Amino acid sequence: MKLWMTLYAMIWIAFIEFMLAMKPGASIVLQYLHIALGLVIIGLASYNFNGVRLTAVPGRVKRIAKSTFNLSVVSGILGVLLYLGTGASSPILFGVTFGGMVLFLHVVVGFAIITQAAAVAIAYDMWEDKEFVKETAPGEVPEMPMPARK
């Protein structure tokens, strides 16, 4: 599979993760599907980072891909804490429990992953297609170029 495809696939898998997690009182099947897709995200983030790292893409894109991988690992760790019910009833401040804080951080990191994955996918795609070579006039929104026919 081409690298650009896996970069974009990660965005959609993260989106599906959010959809699964938003179901209140989700069945055990959905919970395990969420866990499985979380593991897929960690794997894809690693694959994508290594793939991007081996190209000549600008350093910023490589750094964002690296931090996306790191965030996916952090999200996985937070997910394990949630699965184990760590601190679910341990209040820390103003009625907020440790488990509630872990859940909040898990969601925030998830949003960071999806936004950074999108940034890497778009930047890599534009770099690969050399779209930064030709500038456009201010105010102009050109039509999408049609691929050359063989």
Protein backbone atom coordinates (compact mmCIF):
# COMPACT_ATOMS: atom_id res chain seq x y z
CA MET A 1 0.00 0.00 0.00
CA LYS A 2 1.32 3.45 -0.87
CA LEU A 3 2.33 5.70 2.02
CA TRP A 4 -0.20 8.40 1.18
CA MET A 5 -2.97 5.80 1.45
CA THR A 6 -1.95 4.71 4.96
CA LEU A 7 -1.60 8.35 6.01
CA TYR A 8 -5.19 9.04 4.98
CA ALA A 9 -6.40 5.67 6.33
CA MET A 10 -5.23 6.67 9.79
CA ILE A 11 -7.50 9.72 9.74
CA TRP A 12 -10.54 7.63 8.88
CA ILE A 13 -9.74 4.96 11.43
CA ALA A 14 -9.37 7.65 14.11
CA PHE A 15 -12.73 9.06 13.00
CA ILE A 16 -14.34 5.62 13.36
CA GLU A 17 -12.78 5.38 16.83
CA PHE A 18 -14.56 8.58 17.84
CA MET A 19 -17.85 7.27 16.48
CA LEU A 20 -17.47 4.04 18.46
CA ALA A 21 -16.59 5.87 21.65
CA MET A 22 -19.55 8.24 21.41
CA LYS A 23 -22.11 5.46 21.86
CA PRO A 24 -23.31 5.68 25.47
CA GLY A 25 -23.49 2.34 27.25
CA ALA A 26 -21.67 0.65 24.37
CA SER A 27 -21.74 -3.11 24.20
CA ILE A 28 -18.66 -5.14 25.04
CA VAL A 29 -18.28 -5.84 21.29
CA LEU A 30 -17.95 -2.12 20.53
CA GLN A 31 -15.52 -1.70 23.41
CA TYR A 32 -13.27 -4.46 22.06
CA LEU A 33 -13.58 -3.06 18.54
CA HIS A 34 -12.45 0.30 19.96
CA ILE A 35 -9.45 -1.40 21.58
CA ALA A 36 -8.60 -3.26 18.36
CA LEU A 37 -8.78 -0.09 16.27
CA GLY A 38 -6.66 1.69 18.87
CA LEU A 39 -3.98 -0.93 18.34
CA VAL A 40 -4.33 -0.44 14.57
CA ILE A 41 -3.80 3.29 15.07
CA ILE A 42 -0.60 2.68 17.03
CA GLY A 43 0.62 0.33 14.29
CA LEU A 44 -0.31 2.75 11.50
CA ALA A 45 1.27 5.68 13.33
CA SER A 46 4.50 3.71 13.61
CA TYR A 47 4.35 2.59 9.97
CA ASN A 48 3.55 6.13 8.79
CA PHE A 49 6.31 7.72 10.85
CA ASN A 50 8.87 5.24 9.56
CA GLY A 51 7.64 5.69 5.99
CA VAL A 52 7.76 9.48 6.20
CA ARG A 53 11.14 9.38 7.96
CA LEU A 54 12.64 7.47 5.02
CA THR A 55 11.62 10.16 2.49
CA ALA A 56 13.07 13.60 1.78
CA VAL A 57 9.88 15.33 2.96
CA PRO A 58 10.57 18.53 4.99
CA GLY A 59 11.55 18.06 8.63
CA ARG A 60 8.38 19.57 10.06
CA VAL A 61 6.29 16.80 8.49
CA LYS A 62 8.64 14.19 9.94
CA ARG A 63 8.42 15.78 13.40
CA ILE A 64 4.62 15.87 13.28
CA ALA A 65 4.54 12.21 12.20
CA LYS A 66 6.85 11.34 15.11
CA SER A 67 4.72 13.20 17.63
CA THR A 68 1.59 11.53 16.20
CA PHE A 69 3.17 8.15 16.88
CA ASN A 70 4.16 9.25 20.41
CA LEU A 71 0.63 10.47 21.07
CA SER A 72 -0.82 7.17 19.86
CA VAL A 73 1.31 5.34 22.42
CA VAL A 74 0.19 7.76 25.17
CA SER A 75 -3.42 7.24 24.13
CA GLY A 76 -2.91 3.48 24.32
CA ILE A 77 -1.51 3.76 27.84
CA LEU A 78 -4.43 5.94 28.89
CA GLY A 79 -6.79 3.43 27.27
CA VAL A 80 -5.29 0.60 29.32
CA LEU A 81 -5.81 2.65 32.50
CA LEU A 82 -9.43 3.22 31.50
CA TYR A 83 -9.97 -0.45 30.70
CA LEU A 84 -8.60 -1.43 34.10
CA GLY A 85 -10.84 1.12 35.81
CA THR A 86 -7.85 2.79 37.45
CA GLY A 87 -9.02 5.54 39.78
CA ALA A 88 -12.61 5.40 38.58
CA SER A 89 -13.88 6.35 42.04
CA SER A 90 -10.84 8.22 43.36
CA PRO A 91 -11.70 11.93 43.62
CA ILE A 92 -8.82 14.33 43.09
CA LEU A 93 -10.42 17.78 43.05
CA PHE A 94 -13.94 19.25 42.99
CA GLY A 95 -15.59 15.87 42.40
CA VAL A 96 -13.38 15.01 39.44
CA THR A 97 -12.03 11.50 39.71
CA PHE A 98 -8.65 10.27 38.56
CA GLY A 99 -10.49 8.02 36.09
CA GLY A 100 -12.45 11.02 34.78
CA MET A 101 -9.21 12.91 34.25
CA VAL A 102 -7.71 9.93 32.41
CA LEU A 103 -10.81 9.75 30.19
CA PHE A 104 -10.58 13.49 29.45
CA LEU A 105 -6.90 13.18 28.52
CA HIS A 106 -7.64 10.10 26.37
CA VAL A 107 -10.19 12.13 24.37
CA VAL A 108 -7.91 15.20 24.08
CA VAL A 109 -5.02 13.05 22.86
CA GLY A 110 -7.41 11.38 20.38
CA PHE A 111 -8.30 14.79 18.94
CA ALA A 112 -4.60 15.64 18.72
CA ILE A 113 -3.93 12.38 16.87
CA ILE A 114 -6.63 12.93 14.26
CA THR A 115 -5.62 16.55 13.61
CA GLN A 116 -1.91 15.77 13.38
CA ALA A 117 -2.56 12.73 11.18
CA ALA A 118 -4.51 14.99 8.82
CA ALA A 119 -1.70 17.55 8.80
CA VAL A 120 0.90 14.91 7.94
CA ALA A 121 -1.27 13.32 5.23
CA ILE A 122 -2.00 16.60 3.49
CA ALA A 123 1.55 17.95 3.78
CA TYR A 124 3.07 14.69 2.54
CA ASP A 125 0.57 14.44 -0.31
CA MET A 126 1.29 18.01 -1.42
CA TRP A 127 5.04 17.44 -1.15
CA GLU A 128 4.87 14.19 -3.12
CA ASP A 129 2.79 15.82 -5.88
CA LYS A 130 5.08 18.89 -5.94
CA GLU A 131 2.09 21.17 -5.42
CA PHE A 132 4.20 23.82 -3.70
CA VAL A 133 6.17 24.43 -6.90
CA LYS A 134 3.42 26.44 -8.59
CA GLU A 135 1.87 29.33 -6.72
CA THR A 136 -1.56 30.78 -7.46
CA ALA A 137 -2.66 34.39 -7.64
CA PRO A 138 -4.21 35.83 -4.47
CA GLY A 139 -7.95 35.24 -4.49
CA GLU A 140 -7.70 32.52 -7.15
CA VAL A 141 -8.99 29.01 -6.41
CA PRO A 142 -7.95 26.91 -9.41
CA GLU A 143 -9.82 23.80 -10.47
CA MET A 144 -8.31 20.44 -9.58
CA PRO A 145 -5.85 19.36 -12.29
CA MET A 146 -6.92 16.40 -14.35
CA PRO A 147 -4.47 13.51 -14.54
CA ALA A 148 -2.72 13.08 -17.87
CA ARG A 149 -4.20 10.35 -20.06
CA LYS A 150 -1.95 7.54 -21.14
